[in-house]
Amino acid sequence: MITTARDLVVLGAGTAGTMVVNKLHRALPATDWTITVVDRDDIHDYQPGYLFLPFRRTGPEQVRRHKRPLIAEGVRMVQAEVDRVDPAARVVHLGDGRHLAYDELVIATGTSPRPEQVPGTLGPQWHREVGEFYTYEGALALREQLDRFSGGRLVVHITELPIKCPVAPLEFTFLADDFLTRRGLRDRTELVFVTPLDGAFTKPVASRALGDLLEEKGIIVEPDFMVERIDQERQVLVSYDEREVAYDQLVTIPLNMGADFVARSGLGDELNYVAVDKHTMRSTEHPQIWALGDAGNLPTSKAGSVAHFSVDVFVDNFLEHAAGRPMTHSFDGHANCFVESGHGKALLLDFNYDTEPLTGHFPIPRVGPMTLLGESRANHLGKLAFRHVYWNALLPGRPLGLRAQMSMAGKNPA
């Protein structure tokens, strides 16, 4: 009896897509499955590094690598734009006219900033007095701007959630406080944090702790600010309720959206995120489609840790599914995020769908060495060390010794 190999197609070779193909390449018999990963280019960026580029705390060479060496030998890599997916025919149509048939499809094309969605953003000041650090090019341009900055009003602004790494705007604000202090410019600079939320973060306990830290550092918070436009001529943010926030240097985090082909394929919501079961990452509409990393509409942070933990659960489930067995594993929304707070310290948040960030120690109760929801040098060093872990363990799909399910060990009750 001759059996035909089944086709697994993964769209996107970023963090989630790379982990998935590397893990499944080892776990699935090559005689039973062919694995193809599709991406539009051969550049893989360590996106957490964008945060440090504007402050010259890391170099461009430490952020960017070629994708092909990161993908396991034996995985077919196709460089092309995705035009659309036809779920009924189980076919991916590529922008160059080629098409790929699939038995199972993983969408891992992430999310990206869309500055054009806010009127006035892409004016003559774009990547100058109106900066951003959510792209490689934007982070480098902002580095040049900060080199020239001599004081005034520095405004950090979030357009709307969800965004990649929702703590990154806070981190940038804290690092800006550190950067300006070191340059002797802090007393000549008014730092303002503008957010659509009613506080510093989405979770109440963490929001209070981070809000206290902003206040301690003399950073002004402008909450509940829903931006309507950026007036570059007057250098002000304007909200829908007609409030205005003036800036000398604006660092904006544009609206984030999923890939356009998701909309063309009828697979996404209004922000192009694929509707999935939050425990299995399987499409709620098409059982042969899954969405991982930032591409799905999971009700948790769009962060690298979520990609890591959810991919671990997905792989276990997929192996059961491929063998014709029921899926027995469930993702709990586990997120684990370092928050740089400047001056050589950082906080650590650990939470899931049901439990918000709490104080305590991680990963060993009473020992740590990481402190939860509290500043420490160990947390800062942990964040810096993660770059090595990312390239050499996470992307290759090697075990990191962290459980996908969140543990209450070491956490203090709220």
Protein backbone atom coordinates (compact mmCIF):
# COMPACT_ATOMS: atom_id res chain seq x y z
CA MET A 1 0.00 0.00 0.00
CA ILE A 2 1.42 3.36 -1.06
CA THR A 3 0.67 6.36 1.16
CA THR A 4 1.02 9.91 -0.09
CA ALA A 5 2.80 12.37 2.14
CA ARG A 6 0.61 15.10 3.53
CA ASP A 7 1.49 18.77 3.05
CA LEU A 8 1.93 21.16 5.96
CA VAL A 9 2.32 24.75 4.78
CA VAL A 10 3.42 27.46 7.22
CA LEU A 11 2.94 31.08 6.19
CA GLY A 12 5.54 33.27 7.88
CA ALA A 13 9.10 32.53 9.01
CA GLY A 14 9.19 34.86 11.97
CA THR A 15 9.39 33.73 15.58
CA ALA A 16 6.35 31.43 15.66
CA GLY A 17 6.76 30.08 12.12
CA THR A 18 10.44 29.26 12.59
CA MET A 19 9.84 27.48 15.90
CA VAL A 20 6.98 25.46 14.45
CA VAL A 21 8.78 24.15 11.37
CA ASN A 22 11.91 23.31 13.34
CA LYS A 23 9.99 21.43 16.04
CA LEU A 24 7.70 19.57 13.62
CA HIS A 25 10.53 18.71 11.24
CA ARG A 26 12.09 16.68 14.05
CA ALA A 27 8.81 15.19 15.25
CA LEU A 28 6.94 14.30 12.05
CA PRO A 29 8.14 11.38 9.90
CA ALA A 30 9.57 12.72 6.62
CA THR A 31 7.85 9.88 4.77
CA ASP A 32 4.46 11.09 6.01
CA TRP A 33 4.77 14.87 5.82
CA THR A 34 6.36 17.55 3.67
CA ILE A 35 6.83 20.91 5.39
CA THR A 36 6.96 24.17 3.45
CA VAL A 37 7.44 27.62 4.95
CA VAL A 38 6.64 30.75 2.96
CA ASP A 39 7.95 34.25 3.62
CA ARG A 40 8.35 37.38 1.52
CA ASP A 41 12.04 37.90 2.30
CA ASP A 42 15.12 36.27 3.82
CA ILE A 43 15.56 38.72 6.72
CA HIS A 44 14.79 37.68 10.30
CA ASP A 45 14.86 40.46 12.89
CA TYR A 46 15.13 40.04 16.63
CA GLN A 47 12.29 42.46 17.23
CA PRO A 48 12.88 42.98 20.99
CA GLY A 49 16.17 44.54 19.88
CA TYR A 50 14.31 47.41 18.22
CA LEU A 51 13.73 48.86 21.70
CA PHE A 52 17.45 49.28 22.31
CA LEU A 53 18.51 50.58 18.88
CA PRO A 54 17.37 54.20 19.43
CA PHE A 55 19.46 54.43 22.62
CA ARG A 56 22.54 52.79 21.03
CA ARG A 57 22.37 49.95 23.55
CA THR A 58 22.60 47.40 20.78
CA GLY A 59 23.89 47.47 17.23
CA PRO A 60 22.07 46.71 13.96
CA GLU A 61 24.27 43.65 13.44
CA GLN A 62 22.87 42.10 16.64
CA VAL A 63 19.27 42.44 15.49
CA ARG A 64 19.26 41.08 11.94
CA ARG A 65 20.11 37.68 10.39
CA HIS A 66 19.26 35.64 7.30
CA LYS A 67 16.29 33.29 7.66
CA ARG A 68 17.45 30.28 5.68
CA PRO A 69 20.19 29.22 8.16
CA LEU A 70 17.60 29.39 10.95
CA ILE A 71 15.31 26.88 9.22
CA ALA A 72 16.01 23.14 9.55
CA GLU A 73 17.47 21.34 6.55
CA GLY A 74 14.70 19.37 4.92
CA VAL A 75 12.12 22.14 5.29
CA ARG A 76 11.28 23.68 1.94
CA MET A 77 11.49 27.47 2.01
CA VAL A 78 9.59 29.55 -0.56
CA GLN A 79 10.30 33.26 -0.86
CA ALA A 80 7.16 34.98 -2.09
CA GLU A 81 4.30 37.25 -1.08
CA VAL A 82 1.04 35.53 -0.17
CA ASP A 83 -1.85 36.76 -2.29
CA ARG A 84 -4.70 34.81 -0.69
CA VAL A 85 -5.78 31.51 0.81
CA ASP A 86 -8.64 29.46 -0.62
CA PRO A 87 -9.84 27.40 2.36
CA ALA A 88 -12.40 25.46 0.32
CA ALA A 89 -9.78 24.26 -2.17
CA ARG A 90 -7.00 24.12 0.47
CA VAL A 91 -4.70 26.18 -1.72
CA VAL A 92 -2.40 29.12 -1.01
CA HIS A 93 -2.09 31.50 -3.96
CA LEU A 94 1.24 33.35 -4.11
CA GLY A 95 1.80 36.81 -5.51
CA ASP A 96 3.93 35.53 -8.39
CA GLY A 97 1.17 33.23 -9.68
CA ARG A 98 2.35 30.01 -8.06
CA HIS A 99 0.11 28.09 -5.73
CA LEU A 100 0.67 25.62 -2.90
CA ALA A 101 -1.79 22.90 -1.96
CA TYR A 102 -2.01 22.00 1.71
CA ASP A 103 -3.54 19.44 3.99
CA GLU A 104 -2.88 21.59 7.06
CA LEU A 105 -2.09 25.31 7.06
CA VAL A 106 -0.44 27.40 9.78
CA ILE A 107 -0.73 31.17 9.51
CA ALA A 108 2.15 32.81 11.39
CA THR A 109 2.50 36.09 9.51
CA GLY A 110 2.39 38.24 12.62
CA THR A 111 1.25 41.81 12.92
CA SER A 112 2.73 45.07 11.69
CA PRO A 113 2.37 48.82 12.34
CA ARG A 114 0.05 50.75 10.01
CA PRO A 115 0.89 54.46 10.40
CA GLU A 116 -1.35 55.36 7.47
CA GLN A 117 -4.38 54.55 9.61
CA VAL A 118 -4.05 57.79 11.63
CA PRO A 119 -4.42 60.93 9.50
CA GLY A 120 -1.38 63.19 9.51
CA THR A 121 1.14 60.56 10.60
CA LEU A 122 2.89 60.11 7.25
CA GLY A 123 3.67 63.78 6.74
CA PRO A 124 7.06 65.47 6.25
CA GLN A 125 8.04 64.81 9.89
CA TRP A 126 7.63 61.02 9.56
CA HIS A 127 10.73 59.24 10.89
CA ARG A 128 11.94 62.63 12.09
CA GLU A 129 9.98 64.62 14.70
CA VAL A 130 7.30 61.91 14.40
CA GLY A 131 9.22 58.72 15.10
CA GLU A 132 8.57 55.04 15.84
CA PHE A 133 10.61 52.03 16.89
CA TYR A 134 8.36 49.16 15.80
CA THR A 135 10.29 48.72 12.55
CA TYR A 136 14.02 48.32 11.93
CA GLU A 137 14.14 51.43 9.75
CA GLY A 138 12.10 53.44 12.24
CA ALA A 139 14.32 52.47 15.18
CA LEU A 140 17.45 53.53 13.31
CA ALA A 141 15.87 56.85 12.26
CA LEU A 142 14.80 57.48 15.86
CA ARG A 143 18.36 56.83 16.97
CA GLU A 144 19.48 59.75 14.83
CA GLN A 145 16.70 61.94 16.21
CA LEU A 146 17.63 61.19 19.81
CA ASP A 147 21.26 61.94 19.05
CA ARG A 148 20.15 65.46 18.07
CA PHE A 149 17.59 65.90 20.86
CA SER A 150 18.57 68.69 23.28
CA GLY A 151 15.45 68.95 25.45
CA GLY A 152 11.80 69.88 25.14
CA ARG A 153 8.66 67.74 25.15
CA LEU A 154 9.20 64.06 24.39
CA VAL A 155 5.86 62.26 23.96
CA VAL A 156 5.42 58.48 23.76
CA HIS A 157 2.04 57.60 22.30
CA ILE A 158 0.03 54.39 21.82
CA THR A 159 -2.63 54.60 19.10
CA GLU A 160 -4.70 51.55 20.01
CA LEU A 161 -4.40 48.00 21.35
CA PRO A 162 -3.58 45.24 20.60
CA ILE A 163 0.04 45.91 19.67
CA LYS A 164 3.15 43.78 19.53
CA CYS A 165 4.70 43.61 23.01
CA PRO A 166 2.26 45.91 24.82
CA VAL A 167 4.87 46.80 27.48
CA ALA A 168 7.38 48.09 24.90
CA PRO A 169 6.02 51.68 24.90
CA LEU A 170 6.44 51.77 28.68
CA GLU A 171 9.93 50.36 28.36
CA PHE A 172 10.83 53.00 25.81
CA THR A 173 9.57 55.71 28.17
CA PHE A 174 11.61 54.36 31.08
CA LEU A 175 14.71 54.00 28.92
CA ALA A 176 14.23 57.54 27.62
CA ASP A 177 14.23 58.75 31.23
CA ASP A 178 17.51 56.88 31.77
CA PHE A 179 18.99 58.12 28.46
CA LEU A 180 18.13 61.76 29.15
CA THR A 181 19.43 61.55 32.71
CA ARG A 182 22.77 60.18 31.50
CA ARG A 183 23.05 62.99 28.95
CA GLY A 184 22.17 65.69 31.46
CA LEU A 185 18.94 66.52 29.62
CA ARG A 186 16.28 65.14 31.96
CA ASP A 187 15.69 68.46 33.76
CA ARG A 188 15.21 70.10 30.36
CA THR A 189 12.75 67.48 29.09
CA GLU A 190 9.09 66.88 29.83
CA LEU A 191 8.32 63.19 29.35
CA VAL A 192 4.69 62.35 28.53
CA PHE A 193 3.09 58.91 28.15
CA VAL A 194 -0.14 59.03 26.11
CA THR A 195 -2.37 55.94 26.14
CA PRO A 196 -5.90 54.93 25.15
CA LEU A 197 -6.10 52.95 28.41
CA ASP A 198 -7.24 54.37 31.72
CA GLY A 199 -3.85 53.48 33.23
CA ALA A 200 -0.37 52.26 32.47
CA PHE A 201 -1.30 48.67 31.55
CA THR A 202 -4.26 46.41 30.83
CA LYS A 203 -4.07 44.41 34.08
CA PRO A 204 -5.05 46.30 37.29
CA VAL A 205 -2.28 45.13 39.66
CA ALA A 206 0.44 45.65 37.05
CA SER A 207 -1.13 48.95 35.99
CA ARG A 208 -0.86 50.28 39.55
CA ALA A 209 2.76 49.18 39.93
CA LEU A 210 3.81 50.57 36.55
CA GLY A 211 1.79 53.75 37.12
CA ASP A 212 3.58 54.29 40.43
CA LEU A 213 6.90 53.88 38.62
CA LEU A 214 5.92 56.47 36.01
CA GLU A 215 4.95 58.90 38.77
CA GLU A 216 8.17 58.22 40.67
CA LYS A 217 10.18 59.11 37.57
CA GLY A 218 8.23 62.31 36.98
CA ILE A 219 6.59 61.06 33.77
CA ILE A 220 3.24 62.63 32.92
CA VAL A 221 0.45 60.21 31.96
CA GLU A 222 -2.32 61.27 29.57
CA PRO A 223 -4.90 58.43 29.81
CA ASP A 224 -8.06 57.65 27.81
CA PHE A 225 -6.61 59.38 24.76
CA MET A 226 -8.12 58.15 21.51
CA VAL A 227 -6.12 59.84 18.77
CA GLU A 228 -8.01 61.30 15.81
CA ARG A 229 -5.06 62.81 13.95
CA ILE A 230 -1.52 64.13 14.19
CA ASP A 231 -1.17 67.79 13.27
CA GLN A 232 2.45 67.98 12.17
CA GLU A 233 2.30 71.68 11.32
CA ARG A 234 1.32 72.57 14.90
CA GLN A 235 3.15 69.55 16.39
CA VAL A 236 0.21 68.25 18.39
CA LEU A 237 -1.69 65.01 18.86
CA VAL A 238 -5.44 65.59 18.62
CA SER A 239 -7.97 63.21 20.21
CA TYR A 240 -11.56 62.55 19.19
CA ASP A 241 -12.73 64.55 22.21
CA GLU A 242 -10.54 67.45 20.96
CA ARG A 243 -7.86 67.23 23.62
CA GLU A 244 -4.40 68.14 22.38
CA VAL A 245 -0.94 66.98 23.42
CA ALA A 246 1.96 69.06 22.10
CA TYR A 247 5.33 67.52 21.26
CA ASP A 248 8.84 68.47 20.21
CA GLN A 249 9.68 64.80 19.59
CA LEU A 250 6.86 62.30 19.20
CA VAL A 251 7.38 58.54 19.44
CA THR A 252 4.15 56.97 18.25
CA ILE A 253 3.13 53.32 18.21
CA PRO A 254 0.81 53.08 15.21
CA LEU A 255 -2.22 50.84 14.94
CA ASN A 256 -1.09 47.22 14.50
CA MET A 257 -2.81 44.92 12.00
CA GLY A 258 -2.40 41.41 10.67
CA ALA A 259 -1.41 40.54 7.11
CA ASP A 260 -3.55 41.90 4.26
CA PHE A 261 -3.95 38.48 2.62
CA VAL A 262 -5.91 37.40 5.71
CA ALA A 263 -8.58 39.96 4.82
CA ARG A 264 -8.51 39.05 1.12
CA SER A 265 -9.05 35.41 2.11
CA GLY A 266 -12.01 36.18 4.35
CA LEU A 267 -10.19 34.72 7.35
CA GLY A 268 -9.80 37.73 9.65
CA ASP A 269 -11.54 40.25 11.85
CA GLU A 270 -11.46 44.02 11.28
CA LEU A 271 -7.75 44.07 12.18
CA ASN A 272 -6.90 41.04 9.99
CA TYR A 273 -6.41 38.65 12.92
CA VAL A 274 -7.54 35.07 12.39
CA ALA A 275 -10.34 33.94 14.70
CA VAL A 276 -9.07 30.90 16.61
CA ASP A 277 -9.95 28.79 19.61
CA LYS A 278 -7.91 30.38 22.39
CA HIS A 279 -6.82 27.00 23.79
CA THR A 280 -5.82 25.20 20.57
CA MET A 281 -5.06 28.06 18.11
CA ARG A 282 -7.24 26.26 15.56
CA SER A 283 -9.44 28.36 13.28
CA THR A 284 -13.02 28.57 14.46
CA GLU A 285 -14.16 28.47 10.81
CA HIS A 286 -11.78 26.09 9.03
CA PRO A 287 -10.47 23.00 10.89
CA GLN A 288 -7.42 22.65 8.60
CA ILE A 289 -6.17 26.15 9.44
CA TRP A 290 -4.29 27.27 12.56
CA ALA A 291 -2.93 30.70 13.53
CA LEU A 292 0.11 31.12 15.76
CA GLY A 293 2.09 33.98 17.24
CA ASP A 294 0.66 37.42 16.60
CA ALA A 295 -1.51 36.30 13.66
CA GLY A 296 -4.41 35.00 15.77
CA ASN A 297 -6.95 36.83 17.90
CA LEU A 298 -5.93 35.27 21.23
CA PRO A 299 -7.12 37.45 24.14
CA THR A 300 -3.62 37.83 25.57
CA SER A 301 -0.46 39.81 24.80
CA LYS A 302 1.04 39.70 21.33
CA ALA A 303 4.47 38.82 22.65
CA GLY A 304 7.32 36.43 21.94
CA SER A 305 6.64 34.48 25.13
CA VAL A 306 3.05 33.84 24.03
CA ALA A 307 4.35 32.57 20.69
CA HIS A 308 6.78 30.31 22.53
CA PHE A 309 4.30 28.81 24.99
CA SER A 310 1.44 28.50 22.49
CA VAL A 311 3.69 26.83 19.92
CA ASP A 312 4.69 24.22 22.51
CA VAL A 313 1.00 23.44 23.09
CA PHE A 314 0.25 23.49 19.37
CA VAL A 315 3.03 21.02 18.55
CA ASP A 316 1.83 18.53 21.15
CA ASN A 317 -1.72 18.84 19.85
CA PHE A 318 -0.73 18.68 16.21
CA LEU A 319 1.18 15.44 16.69
CA GLU A 320 -1.94 13.91 18.25
CA HIS A 321 -4.10 15.35 15.46
CA ALA A 322 -1.75 14.04 12.77
CA ALA A 323 -1.95 10.57 14.31
CA GLY A 324 -5.76 10.69 14.26
CA ARG A 325 -6.11 11.06 18.02
CA PRO A 326 -8.05 13.70 19.98
CA MET A 327 -6.06 16.76 21.02
CA THR A 328 -5.50 16.74 24.77
CA HIS A 329 -3.43 19.89 25.39
CA SER A 330 -4.78 23.36 26.18
CA PHE A 331 -3.06 26.75 26.06
CA ASP A 332 -3.86 28.91 29.09
CA GLY A 333 -2.74 32.27 27.66
CA HIS A 334 0.60 32.19 29.47
CA ALA A 335 2.67 35.35 28.93
CA ASN A 336 6.03 36.15 30.49
CA CYS A 337 7.42 39.66 29.85
CA PHE A 338 10.45 41.56 31.06
CA VAL A 339 9.84 45.31 31.41
CA GLU A 340 12.99 47.43 31.20
CA SER A 341 12.66 50.23 33.74
CA GLY A 342 15.98 51.97 33.12
CA HIS A 343 19.11 52.50 35.21
CA GLY A 344 20.08 48.82 34.92
CA LYS A 345 16.84 47.38 36.27
CA ALA A 346 13.74 45.64 34.95
CA LEU A 347 10.47 44.12 36.12
CA LEU A 348 9.04 40.73 35.21
CA LEU A 349 5.38 39.98 34.53
CA ASP A 350 3.99 36.44 34.46
CA PHE A 351 0.27 35.93 33.80
CA ASN A 352 -2.33 34.06 31.76
CA TYR A 353 -5.97 34.31 30.68
CA ASP A 354 -7.29 34.01 34.23
CA THR A 355 -4.50 35.29 36.49
CA GLU A 356 -3.09 38.79 36.26
CA PRO A 357 0.55 39.63 37.05
CA LEU A 358 1.32 39.15 40.74
CA THR A 359 4.31 39.83 42.96
CA GLY A 360 6.68 37.02 43.95
CA HIS A 361 9.73 35.20 42.61
CA PHE A 362 10.43 33.32 39.38
CA PRO A 363 11.14 30.58 38.47
CA ILE A 364 11.99 29.20 41.95
CA PRO A 365 9.74 30.21 44.90
CA ARG A 366 11.48 32.51 47.45
CA VAL A 367 14.74 32.16 45.51
CA GLY A 368 14.09 33.59 42.05
CA PRO A 369 16.52 34.86 40.91
CA MET A 370 13.88 36.94 39.09
CA THR A 371 11.46 39.13 41.02
CA LEU A 372 7.87 39.39 39.82
CA LEU A 373 6.35 42.85 39.46
CA GLY A 374 9.35 44.42 41.16
CA GLU A 375 12.49 46.10 39.82
CA SER A 376 15.75 44.19 40.01
CA ARG A 377 19.15 43.95 38.36
CA ALA A 378 18.60 40.22 37.80
CA ASN A 379 15.54 40.93 35.67
CA HIS A 380 17.53 43.37 33.54
CA LEU A 381 20.31 40.84 33.01
CA GLY A 382 17.70 38.22 32.16
CA LYS A 383 16.29 40.44 29.42
CA LEU A 384 19.73 41.07 27.96
CA ALA A 385 20.56 37.36 28.05
CA PHE A 386 17.39 36.47 26.17
CA ARG A 387 18.87 37.58 22.84
CA HIS A 388 21.35 34.70 22.99
CA VAL A 389 18.57 32.31 24.05
CA TYR A 390 16.40 33.52 21.16
CA TRP A 391 18.92 32.83 18.40
CA ASN A 392 20.45 29.68 19.84
CA ALA A 393 17.61 27.86 21.60
CA LEU A 394 14.17 29.35 21.01
CA LEU A 395 14.23 29.55 17.21
CA PRO A 396 15.89 26.14 16.74
CA GLY A 397 13.07 24.69 18.86
CA ARG A 398 15.21 23.42 21.71
CA PRO A 399 13.63 22.96 25.17
CA LEU A 400 14.08 25.99 27.45
CA GLY A 401 13.01 24.31 30.68
CA LEU A 402 9.95 26.53 31.06
CA ARG A 403 6.50 24.97 31.18
CA ALA A 404 3.94 26.21 28.69
CA GLN A 405 1.33 26.30 31.47
CA MET A 406 1.68 29.13 33.98
CA SER A 407 2.51 28.06 37.52
CA MET A 408 1.33 29.77 40.72
CA ALA A 409 4.50 28.63 42.50
CA GLY A 410 6.35 31.63 43.91
CA LYS A 411 3.48 34.05 43.38
CA ASN A 412 1.90 36.05 46.18
CA PRO A 413 -1.91 36.25 46.29
CA ALA A 414 -3.39 39.56 45.15
